[in-house]
Amino acid sequence: MRVIFTMNAGPFTIYYLGHPPPDTNLDEWARSTSQIPVMTRTSGLLELYHVHGSENVATDDVPGFAHLGFTVPDVSVAVERLERKGVRVLKNVGVCNRESVPLSESEERGVGRGEIHANYAAFFEKFAMVADPVSL
């Protein structure tokens, strides 16, 4: 997999990795894929969410990474299937409130304060978060 594009959101950076189609211009494909309508329909993207400064926090988690994500053809269908298997849904599609935004308890780093910007909400509402199915 290659890093296709990154999104720096201040206190965290999201890295998107994938397999570009053969014989494609990586820069052009990355520019196209990074657009939300295309990104959400691009199969096989892997998302790594890196929290800046968390490398120094002693936890059982992988230092610096808050979650792992995947693109799927239909998020709502995937969530329903996971729910039927007993996976706990942490944030469903269409939800974007202060409680659902990651890092909302990290106010010492300036995260989780104030209103959620409309541009961020438009992006955040398009995906869901579930607990690790292995932890069932």
C-alpha atoms as a PDB file:
ATOM      1  CA  MET A   1       0.000   0.000   0.000  1.00  0.00           C
ATOM      2  CA  ARG A   2       1.071   3.554  -0.614  1.00  0.00           C
ATOM      3  CA  VAL A   3       0.137   6.785   1.148  1.00  0.00           C
ATOM      4  CA  ILE A   4      -2.395   8.265  -1.251  1.00  0.00           C
ATOM      5  CA  PHE A   5      -3.094  11.487   0.628  1.00  0.00           C
ATOM      6  CA  THR A   6      -3.175  12.968   4.117  1.00  0.00           C
ATOM      7  CA  MET A   7      -5.545  15.320   5.899  1.00  0.00           C
ATOM      8  CA  ASN A   8      -3.966  17.489   8.596  1.00  0.00           C
ATOM      9  CA  ALA A   9      -6.668  18.564  11.024  1.00  0.00           C
ATOM     10  CA  GLY A  10      -4.527  20.388  13.596  1.00  0.00           C
ATOM     11  CA  PRO A  11      -4.320  18.047  16.589  1.00  0.00           C
ATOM     12  CA  PHE A  12      -4.483  14.970  14.375  1.00  0.00           C
ATOM     13  CA  THR A  13      -3.527  13.824  10.887  1.00  0.00           C
ATOM     14  CA  ILE A  14      -5.402  11.217   8.880  1.00  0.00           C
ATOM     15  CA  TYR A  15      -3.376   9.108   6.460  1.00  0.00           C
ATOM     16  CA  TYR A  16      -5.117   7.285   3.608  1.00  0.00           C
ATOM     17  CA  LEU A  17      -3.325   4.307   2.102  1.00  0.00           C
ATOM     18  CA  GLY A  18      -4.364   2.268  -0.890  1.00  0.00           C
ATOM     19  CA  HIS A  19      -3.412   0.418  -4.025  1.00  0.00           C
ATOM     20  CA  PRO A  20      -3.531   2.769  -7.019  1.00  0.00           C
ATOM     21  CA  PRO A  21      -4.806   1.199 -10.235  1.00  0.00           C
ATOM     22  CA  PRO A  22      -2.000  -0.088 -12.486  1.00  0.00           C
ATOM     23  CA  ASP A  23      -0.522   2.362 -14.972  1.00  0.00           C
ATOM     24  CA  THR A  24      -2.085   5.384 -13.314  1.00  0.00           C
ATOM     25  CA  ASN A  25      -0.594   8.777 -12.501  1.00  0.00           C
ATOM     26  CA  LEU A  26      -0.396   8.678  -8.692  1.00  0.00           C
ATOM     27  CA  ASP A  27      -0.688  12.461  -8.265  1.00  0.00           C
ATOM     28  CA  GLU A  28      -3.831  12.689 -10.412  1.00  0.00           C
ATOM     29  CA  TRP A  29      -5.399   9.612  -8.784  1.00  0.00           C
ATOM     30  CA  ALA A  30      -4.614  10.950  -5.295  1.00  0.00           C
ATOM     31  CA  ARG A  31      -6.171  14.348  -6.118  1.00  0.00           C
ATOM     32  CA  SER A  32      -9.309  12.667  -7.439  1.00  0.00           C
ATOM     33  CA  THR A  33      -9.529  10.116  -4.627  1.00  0.00           C
ATOM     34  CA  SER A  34      -9.179  12.762  -1.918  1.00  0.00           C
ATOM     35  CA  GLN A  35     -12.500  14.352  -2.905  1.00  0.00           C
ATOM     36  CA  ILE A  36     -15.220  13.145  -0.473  1.00  0.00           C
ATOM     37  CA  PRO A  37     -17.670  11.784  -3.070  1.00  0.00           C
ATOM     38  CA  VAL A  38     -14.871   9.794  -4.729  1.00  0.00           C
ATOM     39  CA  MET A  39     -13.094   8.846  -1.497  1.00  0.00           C
ATOM     40  CA  THR A  40     -16.194   7.268  -0.002  1.00  0.00           C
ATOM     41  CA  ARG A  41     -16.669   5.140  -3.143  1.00  0.00           C
ATOM     42  CA  THR A  42     -13.038   4.074  -3.506  1.00  0.00           C
ATOM     43  CA  SER A  43     -12.715   0.452  -2.428  1.00  0.00           C
ATOM     44  CA  GLY A  44      -9.881  -0.644  -0.222  1.00  0.00           C
ATOM     45  CA  LEU A  45      -8.676   2.617   1.286  1.00  0.00           C
ATOM     46  CA  LEU A  46      -7.113   2.195   4.701  1.00  0.00           C
ATOM     47  CA  GLU A  47      -7.321   5.131   7.109  1.00  0.00           C
ATOM     48  CA  LEU A  48      -4.823   5.665   9.911  1.00  0.00           C
ATOM     49  CA  TYR A  49      -5.753   8.398  12.373  1.00  0.00           C
ATOM     50  CA  HIS A  50      -2.669   9.788  14.135  1.00  0.00           C
ATOM     51  CA  VAL A  51      -3.112  11.927  17.254  1.00  0.00           C
ATOM     52  CA  HIS A  52      -0.212  14.366  17.575  1.00  0.00           C
ATOM     53  CA  GLY A  53       1.576  14.144  20.898  1.00  0.00           C
ATOM     54  CA  SER A  54      -0.044  10.870  21.953  1.00  0.00           C
ATOM     55  CA  GLU A  55       3.186   8.958  21.316  1.00  0.00           C
ATOM     56  CA  ASN A  56       4.249   9.947  24.823  1.00  0.00           C
ATOM     57  CA  VAL A  57       1.100   8.621  26.510  1.00  0.00           C
ATOM     58  CA  ALA A  58       1.488   5.195  28.142  1.00  0.00           C
ATOM     59  CA  THR A  59      -1.534   3.089  27.154  1.00  0.00           C
ATOM     60  CA  ASP A  60      -2.271  -0.383  25.887  1.00  0.00           C
ATOM     61  CA  ASP A  61      -3.118   1.096  22.485  1.00  0.00           C
ATOM     62  CA  VAL A  62      -0.686   1.573  19.636  1.00  0.00           C
ATOM     63  CA  PRO A  63       0.985   4.876  20.540  1.00  0.00           C
ATOM     64  CA  GLY A  64      -0.082   7.784  18.400  1.00  0.00           C
ATOM     65  CA  PHE A  65      -2.986   6.113  16.620  1.00  0.00           C
ATOM     66  CA  ALA A  66      -6.606   6.622  17.628  1.00  0.00           C
ATOM     67  CA  HIS A  67      -8.321   4.364  15.120  1.00  0.00           C
ATOM     68  CA  LEU A  68      -8.121   2.359  11.958  1.00  0.00           C
ATOM     69  CA  GLY A  69     -10.684   2.817   9.190  1.00  0.00           C
ATOM     70  CA  PHE A  70     -11.683   1.212   5.905  1.00  0.00           C
ATOM     71  CA  THR A  71     -13.777   2.369   2.996  1.00  0.00           C
ATOM     72  CA  VAL A  72     -16.761   0.169   2.218  1.00  0.00           C
ATOM     73  CA  PRO A  73     -19.324   0.334  -0.603  1.00  0.00           C
ATOM     74  CA  ASP A  74     -22.227   1.259   1.734  1.00  0.00           C
ATOM     75  CA  VAL A  75     -21.511   2.404   5.291  1.00  0.00           C
ATOM     76  CA  SER A  76     -25.084   1.951   6.571  1.00  0.00           C
ATOM     77  CA  VAL A  77     -25.256  -1.613   5.247  1.00  0.00           C
ATOM     78  CA  ALA A  78     -21.854  -2.416   6.775  1.00  0.00           C
ATOM     79  CA  VAL A  79     -22.943  -1.007  10.163  1.00  0.00           C
ATOM     80  CA  GLU A  80     -26.180  -3.018  10.099  1.00  0.00           C
ATOM     81  CA  ARG A  81     -24.255  -6.200   9.312  1.00  0.00           C
ATOM     82  CA  LEU A  82     -21.772  -5.552  12.127  1.00  0.00           C
ATOM     83  CA  GLU A  83     -24.587  -4.779  14.589  1.00  0.00           C
ATOM     84  CA  ARG A  84     -26.272  -8.093  13.756  1.00  0.00           C
ATOM     85  CA  LYS A  85     -22.974  -9.795  14.618  1.00  0.00           C
ATOM     86  CA  GLY A  86     -22.908  -8.065  18.016  1.00  0.00           C
ATOM     87  CA  VAL A  87     -20.379  -5.314  17.241  1.00  0.00           C
ATOM     88  CA  ARG A  88     -20.963  -2.162  19.283  1.00  0.00           C
ATOM     89  CA  VAL A  89     -21.594   0.999  17.222  1.00  0.00           C
ATOM     90  CA  LEU A  90     -19.749   3.991  18.663  1.00  0.00           C
ATOM     91  CA  LYS A  91     -20.959   6.573  16.107  1.00  0.00           C
ATOM     92  CA  ASN A  92     -23.491   5.973  13.367  1.00  0.00           C
ATOM     93  CA  VAL A  93     -23.785   7.569   9.931  1.00  0.00           C
ATOM     94  CA  GLY A  94     -25.413  11.019  10.059  1.00  0.00           C
ATOM     95  CA  VAL A  95     -24.261  11.744  13.620  1.00  0.00           C
ATOM     96  CA  CYS A  96     -22.007  14.682  14.411  1.00  0.00           C
ATOM     97  CA  ASN A  97     -22.309  16.193  17.836  1.00  0.00           C
ATOM     98  CA  ARG A  98     -19.786  17.173  20.478  1.00  0.00           C
ATOM     99  CA  GLU A  99     -20.094  13.737  22.164  1.00  0.00           C
ATOM    100  CA  SER A 100     -19.363  11.864  18.931  1.00  0.00           C
ATOM    101  CA  VAL A 101     -16.266  13.806  17.901  1.00  0.00           C
ATOM    102  CA  PRO A 102     -13.048  11.939  18.763  1.00  0.00           C
ATOM    103  CA  LEU A 103     -10.769  13.456  21.373  1.00  0.00           C
ATOM    104  CA  SER A 104     -13.618  15.428  22.960  1.00  0.00           C
ATOM    105  CA  GLU A 105     -12.070  14.736  26.382  1.00  0.00           C
ATOM    106  CA  SER A 106      -8.637  16.102  25.421  1.00  0.00           C
ATOM    107  CA  GLU A 107      -9.183  19.727  26.282  1.00  0.00           C
ATOM    108  CA  GLU A 108      -5.631  20.135  27.612  1.00  0.00           C
ATOM    109  CA  ARG A 109      -4.477  19.918  23.966  1.00  0.00           C
ATOM    110  CA  GLY A 110      -7.151  22.353  22.777  1.00  0.00           C
ATOM    111  CA  VAL A 111      -9.348  19.660  21.265  1.00  0.00           C
ATOM    112  CA  GLY A 112     -13.042  19.279  21.933  1.00  0.00           C
ATOM    113  CA  ARG A 113     -13.887  22.866  22.730  1.00  0.00           C
ATOM    114  CA  GLY A 114     -16.457  25.072  21.066  1.00  0.00           C
ATOM    115  CA  GLU A 115     -18.835  24.359  18.237  1.00  0.00           C
ATOM    116  CA  ILE A 116     -18.182  21.837  15.500  1.00  0.00           C
ATOM    117  CA  HIS A 117     -17.376  23.621  12.250  1.00  0.00           C
ATOM    118  CA  ALA A 118     -19.979  22.976   9.509  1.00  0.00           C
ATOM    119  CA  ASN A 119     -17.314  21.791   7.036  1.00  0.00           C
ATOM    120  CA  TYR A 120     -16.029  19.218   9.523  1.00  0.00           C
ATOM    121  CA  ALA A 121     -19.578  18.104  10.363  1.00  0.00           C
ATOM    122  CA  ALA A 122     -20.379  17.553   6.673  1.00  0.00           C
ATOM    123  CA  PHE A 123     -17.405  15.177   6.478  1.00  0.00           C
ATOM    124  CA  PHE A 124     -17.843  13.546   9.894  1.00  0.00           C
ATOM    125  CA  GLU A 125     -21.506  12.661   9.290  1.00  0.00           C
ATOM    126  CA  LYS A 126     -20.563  10.459   6.341  1.00  0.00           C
ATOM    127  CA  PHE A 127     -18.890   7.690   8.343  1.00  0.00           C
ATOM    128  CA  ALA A 128     -19.528   5.438  11.307  1.00  0.00           C
ATOM    129  CA  MET A 129     -17.294   4.114  14.069  1.00  0.00           C
ATOM    130  CA  VAL A 130     -17.559   0.705  15.651  1.00  0.00           C
ATOM    131  CA  ALA A 131     -15.684  -1.014  18.467  1.00  0.00           C
ATOM    132  CA  ASP A 132     -13.045  -3.546  17.560  1.00  0.00           C
ATOM    133  CA  PRO A 133     -14.989  -6.713  16.667  1.00  0.00           C
ATOM    134  CA  VAL A 134     -12.222  -8.805  18.214  1.00  0.00           C
ATOM    135  CA  SER A 135     -12.991  -7.279  21.617  1.00  0.00           C
ATOM    136  CA  LEU A 136     -16.429  -8.940  21.745  1.00  0.00           C
END
